[in-house]
């Protein structure tokens, strides 16, 4: 699946996107897999309360299943103004 990173998440990881082979059942499982890769991923995912996730461009939550998902995007909360 494609994993996209936006704003400071992208800055901490150092990539705008990557293709990931995963057996993760949920978004949380994917985050755990990514965090175990390297310190830069662990730093990006250290505070999940500061992150939002979208699955196939639909806002979702970290307990959501990944079955059939083609794209996961991580980004900080957006503010309007």
PDB file of N, CA and C in Angstrom:
ATOM      1  N   UNK A   1       0.843  -1.179   0.000  1.00  0.00           N
ATOM      2  CA  UNK A   1       0.000   0.000   0.000  1.00  0.00           C
ATOM      3  C   UNK A   1       0.885   1.237   0.000  1.00  0.00           C
ATOM      4  N   UNK A   2       0.337   2.333  -0.474  1.00  0.00           N
ATOM      5  CA  UNK A   2       1.049   3.606  -0.446  1.00  0.00           C
ATOM      6  C   UNK A   2       0.808   4.287   0.891  1.00  0.00           C
ATOM      7  N   UNK A   3       1.876   4.788   1.488  1.00  0.00           N
ATOM      8  CA  UNK A   3       1.773   5.533   2.739  1.00  0.00           C
ATOM      9  C   UNK A   3       2.293   6.935   2.473  1.00  0.00           C
ATOM     10  N   UNK A   4       1.467   7.927   2.763  1.00  0.00           N
ATOM     11  CA  UNK A   4       1.801   9.327   2.518  1.00  0.00           C
ATOM     12  C   UNK A   4       1.996  10.043   3.847  1.00  0.00           C
ATOM     13  N   UNK A   5       2.965  10.954   3.869  1.00  0.00           N
ATOM     14  CA  UNK A   5       3.267  11.738   5.060  1.00  0.00           C
ATOM     15  C   UNK A   5       3.189  13.220   4.711  1.00  0.00           C
ATOM     16  N   UNK A   6       2.537  13.998   5.572  1.00  0.00           N
ATOM     17  CA  UNK A   6       2.363  15.423   5.318  1.00  0.00           C
ATOM     18  C   UNK A   6       2.887  16.258   6.474  1.00  0.00           C
ATOM     19  N   UNK A   7       3.288  17.496   6.145  1.00  0.00           N
ATOM     20  CA  UNK A   7       3.718  18.518   7.117  1.00  0.00           C
ATOM     21  C   UNK A   7       4.883  17.994   7.950  1.00  0.00           C
ATOM     22  N   UNK A   8       4.829  18.176   9.282  1.00  0.00           N
ATOM     23  CA  UNK A   8       5.968  17.792  10.112  1.00  0.00           C
ATOM     24  C   UNK A   8       6.184  16.289  10.159  1.00  0.00           C
ATOM     25  N   UNK A   9       5.170  15.498   9.843  1.00  0.00           N
ATOM     26  CA  UNK A   9       5.357  14.044   9.780  1.00  0.00           C
ATOM     27  C   UNK A   9       6.340  13.728   8.658  1.00  0.00           C
ATOM     28  N   UNK A  10       6.142  14.350   7.503  1.00  0.00           N
ATOM     29  CA  UNK A  10       7.045  14.186   6.360  1.00  0.00           C
ATOM     30  C   UNK A  10       8.447  14.661   6.720  1.00  0.00           C
ATOM     31  N   UNK A  11       8.550  15.780   7.421  1.00  0.00           N
ATOM     32  CA  UNK A  11       9.858  16.312   7.797  1.00  0.00           C
ATOM     33  C   UNK A  11      10.613  15.367   8.725  1.00  0.00           C
ATOM     34  N   UNK A  12       9.924  14.778   9.683  1.00  0.00           N
ATOM     35  CA  UNK A  12      10.581  13.865  10.627  1.00  0.00           C
ATOM     36  C   UNK A  12      11.002  12.562   9.964  1.00  0.00           C
ATOM     37  N   UNK A  13      10.164  12.047   9.076  1.00  0.00           N
ATOM     38  CA  UNK A  13      10.481  10.777   8.418  1.00  0.00           C
ATOM     39  C   UNK A  13      11.441  10.989   7.258  1.00  0.00           C
ATOM     40  N   UNK A  14      11.332  12.139   6.604  1.00  0.00           N
ATOM     41  CA  UNK A  14      12.237  12.439   5.496  1.00  0.00           C
ATOM     42  C   UNK A  14      11.749  11.960   4.145  1.00  0.00           C
ATOM     43  N   UNK A  15      10.497  11.540   4.077  1.00  0.00           N
ATOM     44  CA  UNK A  15       9.901  11.070   2.822  1.00  0.00           C
ATOM     45  C   UNK A  15       8.493  11.621   2.682  1.00  0.00           C
ATOM     46  N   UNK A  16       8.077  11.962   1.459  1.00  0.00           N
ATOM     47  CA  UNK A  16       6.686  12.375   1.269  1.00  0.00           C
ATOM     48  C   UNK A  16       5.743  11.176   1.130  1.00  0.00           C
ATOM     49  N   UNK A  17       6.292  10.034   0.637  1.00  0.00           N
ATOM     50  CA  UNK A  17       5.476   8.839   0.437  1.00  0.00           C
ATOM     51  C   UNK A  17       6.381   7.636   0.253  1.00  0.00           C
ATOM     52  N   UNK A  18       5.821   6.468   0.484  1.00  0.00           N
ATOM     53  CA  UNK A  18       6.531   5.222   0.222  1.00  0.00           C
ATOM     54  C   UNK A  18       5.522   4.102   0.040  1.00  0.00           C
ATOM     55  N   UNK A  19       5.945   3.054  -0.619  1.00  0.00           N
ATOM     56  CA  UNK A  19       5.123   1.863  -0.767  1.00  0.00           C
ATOM     57  C   UNK A  19       5.573   0.868   0.293  1.00  0.00           C
ATOM     58  N   UNK A  20       4.609   0.358   1.056  1.00  0.00           N
ATOM     59  CA  UNK A  20       4.905  -0.502   2.193  1.00  0.00           C
ATOM     60  C   UNK A  20       4.217  -1.852   2.011  1.00  0.00           C
ATOM     61  N   UNK A  21       4.968  -2.920   2.196  1.00  0.00           N
ATOM     62  CA  UNK A  21       4.399  -4.266   2.272  1.00  0.00           C
ATOM     63  C   UNK A  21       4.157  -4.534   3.744  1.00  0.00           C
ATOM     64  N   UNK A  22       2.917  -4.821   4.109  1.00  0.00           N
ATOM     65  CA  UNK A  22       2.589  -4.999   5.515  1.00  0.00           C
ATOM     66  C   UNK A  22       1.553  -6.088   5.714  1.00  0.00           C
ATOM     67  N   UNK A  23       1.616  -6.703   6.872  1.00  0.00           N
ATOM     68  CA  UNK A  23       0.599  -7.649   7.280  1.00  0.00           C
ATOM     69  C   UNK A  23      -0.278  -7.052   8.365  1.00  0.00           C
ATOM     70  N   UNK A  24      -0.141  -5.735   8.586  1.00  0.00           N
ATOM     71  CA  UNK A  24      -0.881  -5.051   9.647  1.00  0.00           C
ATOM     72  C   UNK A  24      -2.383  -5.158   9.410  1.00  0.00           C
ATOM     73  N   UNK A  25      -3.111  -5.439  10.486  1.00  0.00           N
ATOM     74  CA  UNK A  25      -4.563  -5.549  10.396  1.00  0.00           C
ATOM     75  C   UNK A  25      -5.250  -4.199  10.561  1.00  0.00           C
ATOM     76  N   UNK A  26      -4.645  -3.311  11.347  1.00  0.00           N
ATOM     77  CA  UNK A  26      -5.238  -1.995  11.611  1.00  0.00           C
ATOM     78  C   UNK A  26      -4.200  -0.900  11.400  1.00  0.00           C
ATOM     79  N   UNK A  27      -4.672   0.328  11.413  1.00  0.00           N
ATOM     80  CA  UNK A  27      -3.759   1.462  11.303  1.00  0.00           C
ATOM     81  C   UNK A  27      -2.772   1.445  12.470  1.00  0.00           C
ATOM     82  N   UNK A  28      -3.242   1.153  13.671  1.00  0.00           N
ATOM     83  CA  UNK A  28      -2.350   1.090  14.831  1.00  0.00           C
ATOM     84  C   UNK A  28      -1.249   0.054  14.635  1.00  0.00           C
ATOM     85  N   UNK A  29      -1.599  -1.090  14.064  1.00  0.00           N
ATOM     86  CA  UNK A  29      -0.593  -2.116  13.787  1.00  0.00           C
ATOM     87  C   UNK A  29       0.442  -1.601  12.792  1.00  0.00           C
ATOM     88  N   UNK A  30      -0.011  -0.882  11.777  1.00  0.00           N
ATOM     89  CA  UNK A  30       0.907  -0.294  10.798  1.00  0.00           C
ATOM     90  C   UNK A  30       1.832   0.717  11.467  1.00  0.00           C
ATOM     91  N   UNK A  31       1.278   1.560  12.323  1.00  0.00           N
ATOM     92  CA  UNK A  31       2.089   2.543  13.042  1.00  0.00           C
ATOM     93  C   UNK A  31       3.154   1.827  13.870  1.00  0.00           C
ATOM     94  N   UNK A  32       2.783   0.740  14.533  1.00  0.00           N
ATOM     95  CA  UNK A  32       3.759  -0.015  15.327  1.00  0.00           C
ATOM     96  C   UNK A  32       4.859  -0.588  14.451  1.00  0.00           C
ATOM     97  N   UNK A  33       4.493  -1.125  13.286  1.00  0.00           N
ATOM     98  CA  UNK A  33       5.499  -1.646  12.352  1.00  0.00           C
ATOM     99  C   UNK A  33       6.448  -0.547  11.894  1.00  0.00           C
ATOM    100  N   UNK A  34       5.890   0.589  11.501  1.00  0.00           N
ATOM    101  CA  UNK A  34       6.711   1.694  11.021  1.00  0.00           C
ATOM    102  C   UNK A  34       7.602   2.235  12.131  1.00  0.00           C
ATOM    103  N   UNK A  35       7.056   2.382  13.323  1.00  0.00           N
ATOM    104  CA  UNK A  35       7.815   2.925  14.450  1.00  0.00           C
ATOM    105  C   UNK A  35       9.005   2.038  14.805  1.00  0.00           C
ATOM    106  N   UNK A  36       8.868   0.736  14.587  1.00  0.00           N
ATOM    107  CA  UNK A  36       9.951  -0.196  14.904  1.00  0.00           C
ATOM    108  C   UNK A  36      11.072  -0.163  13.872  1.00  0.00           C
ATOM    109  N   UNK A  37      10.843   0.436  12.720  1.00  0.00           N
ATOM    110  CA  UNK A  37      11.845   0.488  11.647  1.00  0.00           C
ATOM    111  C   UNK A  37      13.091   1.263  12.047  1.00  0.00           C
ATOM    112  N   UNK A  38      12.877   2.523  12.417  1.00  0.00           N
ATOM    113  CA  UNK A  38      13.981   3.449  12.692  1.00  0.00           C
ATOM    114  C   UNK A  38      13.503   4.519  13.651  1.00  0.00           C
ATOM    115  N   UNK A  39      14.464   5.215  14.252  1.00  0.00           N
ATOM    116  CA  UNK A  39      14.145   6.282  15.202  1.00  0.00           C
ATOM    117  C   UNK A  39      13.315   7.397  14.568  1.00  0.00           C
ATOM    118  N   UNK A  40      13.566   7.688  13.294  1.00  0.00           N
ATOM    119  CA  UNK A  40      12.827   8.789  12.665  1.00  0.00           C
ATOM    120  C   UNK A  40      11.336   8.479  12.580  1.00  0.00           C
ATOM    121  N   UNK A  41      10.977   7.221  12.363  1.00  0.00           N
ATOM    122  CA  UNK A  41       9.562   6.831  12.362  1.00  0.00           C
ATOM    123  C   UNK A  41       9.001   6.879  13.780  1.00  0.00           C
ATOM    124  N   UNK A  42       9.778   6.379  14.734  1.00  0.00           N
ATOM    125  CA  UNK A  42       9.341   6.406  16.134  1.00  0.00           C
ATOM    126  C   UNK A  42       9.081   7.839  16.578  1.00  0.00           C
ATOM    127  N   UNK A  43       9.930   8.782  16.156  1.00  0.00           N
ATOM    128  CA  UNK A  43       9.741  10.189  16.513  1.00  0.00           C
ATOM    129  C   UNK A  43       8.467  10.748  15.876  1.00  0.00           C
ATOM    130  N   UNK A  44       8.210  10.383  14.641  1.00  0.00           N
ATOM    131  CA  UNK A  44       7.036  10.899  13.937  1.00  0.00           C
ATOM    132  C   UNK A  44       5.735  10.382  14.558  1.00  0.00           C
ATOM    133  N   UNK A  45       5.764   9.147  15.062  1.00  0.00           N
ATOM    134  CA  UNK A  45       4.554   8.531  15.599  1.00  0.00           C
ATOM    135  C   UNK A  45       4.525   8.493  17.126  1.00  0.00           C
ATOM    136  N   UNK A  46       5.380   9.270  17.775  1.00  0.00           N
ATOM    137  CA  UNK A  46       5.484   9.243  19.237  1.00  0.00           C
ATOM    138  C   UNK A  46       4.199   9.682  19.933  1.00  0.00           C
ATOM    139  N   UNK A  47       3.475  10.624  19.344  1.00  0.00           N
ATOM    140  CA  UNK A  47       2.259  11.150  19.973  1.00  0.00           C
ATOM    141  C   UNK A  47       1.098  11.049  18.988  1.00  0.00           C
ATOM    142  N   UNK A  48       0.371   9.948  19.045  1.00  0.00           N
ATOM    143  CA  UNK A  48      -0.725   9.739  18.095  1.00  0.00           C
ATOM    144  C   UNK A  48      -1.862  10.731  18.273  1.00  0.00           C
ATOM    145  N   UNK A  49      -1.959  11.340  19.449  1.00  0.00           N
ATOM    146  CA  UNK A  49      -2.991  12.364  19.665  1.00  0.00           C
ATOM    147  C   UNK A  49      -2.733  13.590  18.788  1.00  0.00           C
ATOM    148  N   UNK A  50      -1.496  13.744  18.325  1.00  0.00           N
ATOM    149  CA  UNK A  50      -1.136  14.878  17.477  1.00  0.00           C
ATOM    150  C   UNK A  50      -1.222  14.528  15.993  1.00  0.00           C
ATOM    151  N   UNK A  51      -1.778  13.367  15.671  1.00  0.00           N
ATOM    152  CA  UNK A  51      -1.860  12.915  14.285  1.00  0.00           C
ATOM    153  C   UNK A  51      -3.284  12.575  13.883  1.00  0.00           C
ATOM    154  N   UNK A  52      -3.538  12.697  12.600  1.00  0.00           N
ATOM    155  CA  UNK A  52      -4.778  12.236  11.994  1.00  0.00           C
ATOM    156  C   UNK A  52      -4.387  11.253  10.893  1.00  0.00           C
ATOM    157  N   UNK A  53      -5.340  10.430  10.500  1.00  0.00           N
ATOM    158  CA  UNK A  53      -5.083   9.444   9.457  1.00  0.00           C
ATOM    159  C   UNK A  53      -6.269   9.418   8.494  1.00  0.00           C
ATOM    160  N   UNK A  54      -5.952   9.222   7.230  1.00  0.00           N
ATOM    161  CA  UNK A  54      -6.977   9.045   6.201  1.00  0.00           C
ATOM    162  C   UNK A  54      -6.678   7.754   5.455  1.00  0.00           C
ATOM    163  N   UNK A  55      -7.732   6.989   5.200  1.00  0.00           N
ATOM    164  CA  UNK A  55      -7.623   5.752   4.435  1.00  0.00           C
ATOM    165  C   UNK A  55      -8.336   5.958   3.110  1.00  0.00           C
ATOM    166  N   UNK A  56      -7.601   5.807   2.031  1.00  0.00           N
ATOM    167  CA  UNK A  56      -8.149   6.055   0.698  1.00  0.00           C
ATOM    168  C   UNK A  56      -8.882   7.396   0.648  1.00  0.00           C
ATOM    169  N   UNK A  57      -8.250   8.418   1.223  1.00  0.00           N
ATOM    170  CA  UNK A  57      -8.688   9.809   1.228  1.00  0.00           C
ATOM    171  C   UNK A  57      -9.960  10.057   2.046  1.00  0.00           C
ATOM    172  N   UNK A  58     -10.247   9.152   2.990  1.00  0.00           N
ATOM    173  CA  UNK A  58     -11.373   9.325   3.909  1.00  0.00           C
ATOM    174  C   UNK A  58     -10.825   9.384   5.329  1.00  0.00           C
ATOM    175  N   UNK A  59     -11.150  10.439   6.074  1.00  0.00           N
ATOM    176  CA  UNK A  59     -10.699  10.561   7.450  1.00  0.00           C
ATOM    177  C   UNK A  59     -11.124   9.326   8.237  1.00  0.00           C
ATOM    178  N   UNK A  60     -10.201   8.790   9.019  1.00  0.00           N
ATOM    179  CA  UNK A  60     -10.466   7.558   9.744  1.00  0.00           C
ATOM    180  C   UNK A  60      -9.840   7.636  11.129  1.00  0.00           C
ATOM    181  N   UNK A  61      -9.772   6.477  11.807  1.00  0.00           N
ATOM    182  CA  UNK A  61      -9.127   6.453  13.114  1.00  0.00           C
ATOM    183  C   UNK A  61      -8.112   5.316  13.155  1.00  0.00           C
ATOM    184  N   UNK A  62      -7.339   5.283  14.222  1.00  0.00           N
ATOM    185  CA  UNK A  62      -6.220   4.357  14.301  1.00  0.00           C
ATOM    186  C   UNK A  62      -6.639   2.913  14.550  1.00  0.00           C
ATOM    187  N   UNK A  63      -7.888   2.679  14.905  1.00  0.00           N
ATOM    188  CA  UNK A  63      -8.387   1.318  15.090  1.00  0.00           C
ATOM    189  C   UNK A  63      -8.995   0.757  13.813  1.00  0.00           C
ATOM    190  N   UNK A  64      -9.028   1.545  12.756  1.00  0.00           N
ATOM    191  CA  UNK A  64      -9.657   1.128  11.508  1.00  0.00           C
ATOM    192  C   UNK A  64      -8.886  -0.019  10.851  1.00  0.00           C
ATOM    193  N   UNK A  65      -9.623  -0.979  10.264  1.00  0.00           N
ATOM    194  CA  UNK A  65      -8.959  -2.083   9.560  1.00  0.00           C
ATOM    195  C   UNK A  65      -8.338  -1.615   8.249  1.00  0.00           C
ATOM    196  N   UNK A  66      -7.270  -2.309   7.857  1.00  0.00           N
ATOM    197  CA  UNK A  66      -6.564  -1.959   6.623  1.00  0.00           C
ATOM    198  C   UNK A  66      -6.929  -2.860   5.442  1.00  0.00           C
ATOM    199  N   UNK A  67      -7.782  -3.838   5.653  1.00  0.00           N
ATOM    200  CA  UNK A  67      -8.156  -4.758   4.572  1.00  0.00           C
ATOM    201  C   UNK A  67      -8.712  -3.974   3.387  1.00  0.00           C
ATOM    202  N   UNK A  68      -8.109  -4.164   2.223  1.00  0.00           N
ATOM    203  CA  UNK A  68      -8.572  -3.516   1.008  1.00  0.00           C
ATOM    204  C   UNK A  68      -8.127  -2.069   0.828  1.00  0.00           C
ATOM    205  N   UNK A  69      -7.435  -1.513   1.803  1.00  0.00           N
ATOM    206  CA  UNK A  69      -6.983  -0.116   1.720  1.00  0.00           C
ATOM    207  C   UNK A  69      -5.773  -0.032   0.801  1.00  0.00           C
ATOM    208  N   UNK A  70      -5.769   0.955  -0.082  1.00  0.00           N
ATOM    209  CA  UNK A  70      -4.646   1.150  -0.999  1.00  0.00           C
ATOM    210  C   UNK A  70      -3.748   2.304  -0.591  1.00  0.00           C
ATOM    211  N   UNK A  71      -4.309   3.284   0.177  1.00  0.00           N
ATOM    212  CA  UNK A  71      -3.528   4.466   0.537  1.00  0.00           C
ATOM    213  C   UNK A  71      -3.815   4.877   1.980  1.00  0.00           C
ATOM    214  N   UNK A  72      -2.757   5.092   2.732  1.00  0.00           N
ATOM    215  CA  UNK A  72      -2.853   5.579   4.109  1.00  0.00           C
ATOM    216  C   UNK A  72      -2.089   6.893   4.161  1.00  0.00           C
ATOM    217  N   UNK A  73      -2.704   7.924   4.712  1.00  0.00           N
ATOM    218  CA  UNK A  73      -2.047   9.225   4.824  1.00  0.00           C
ATOM    219  C   UNK A  73      -2.033   9.656   6.282  1.00  0.00           C
ATOM    220  N   UNK A  74      -0.863  10.118   6.743  1.00  0.00           N
ATOM    221  CA  UNK A  74      -0.707  10.627   8.098  1.00  0.00           C
ATOM    222  C   UNK A  74      -0.415  12.122   8.026  1.00  0.00           C
ATOM    223  N   UNK A  75      -1.092  12.895   8.900  1.00  0.00           N
ATOM    224  CA  UNK A  75      -0.929  14.348   8.880  1.00  0.00           C
ATOM    225  C   UNK A  75      -1.344  14.921  10.227  1.00  0.00           C
ATOM    226  N   UNK A  76      -0.866  16.114  10.558  1.00  0.00           N
ATOM    227  CA  UNK A  76      -1.318  16.761  11.792  1.00  0.00           C
ATOM    228  C   UNK A  76      -2.724  17.307  11.615  1.00  0.00           C
ATOM    229  N   UNK A  77      -3.418  17.579  12.731  1.00  0.00           N
ATOM    230  CA  UNK A  77      -4.750  18.173  12.612  1.00  0.00           C
ATOM    231  C   UNK A  77      -4.691  19.497  11.860  1.00  0.00           C
ATOM    232  N   UNK A  78      -5.702  19.734  11.074  1.00  0.00           N
ATOM    233  CA  UNK A  78      -5.775  20.981  10.303  1.00  0.00           C
ATOM    234  C   UNK A  78      -6.542  22.022  11.098  1.00  0.00           C
ATOM    235  N   UNK A  79      -6.117  23.268  10.969  1.00  0.00           N
ATOM    236  CA  UNK A  79      -6.845  24.357  11.596  1.00  0.00           C
ATOM    237  C   UNK A  79      -7.289  25.315  10.498  1.00  0.00           C
ATOM    238  N   UNK A  80      -8.428  25.889  10.686  1.00  0.00           N
ATOM    239  CA  UNK A  80      -8.942  26.823   9.685  1.00  0.00           C
ATOM    240  C   UNK A  80      -8.768  28.246  10.152  1.00  0.00           C
ATOM    241  N   UNK A  81      -9.044  29.146   9.255  1.00  0.00           N
ATOM    242  CA  UNK A  81      -8.918  30.533   9.683  1.00  0.00           C
ATOM    243  C   UNK A  81      -9.095  31.493   8.572  1.00  0.00           C
TER     244      UNK A  81
END
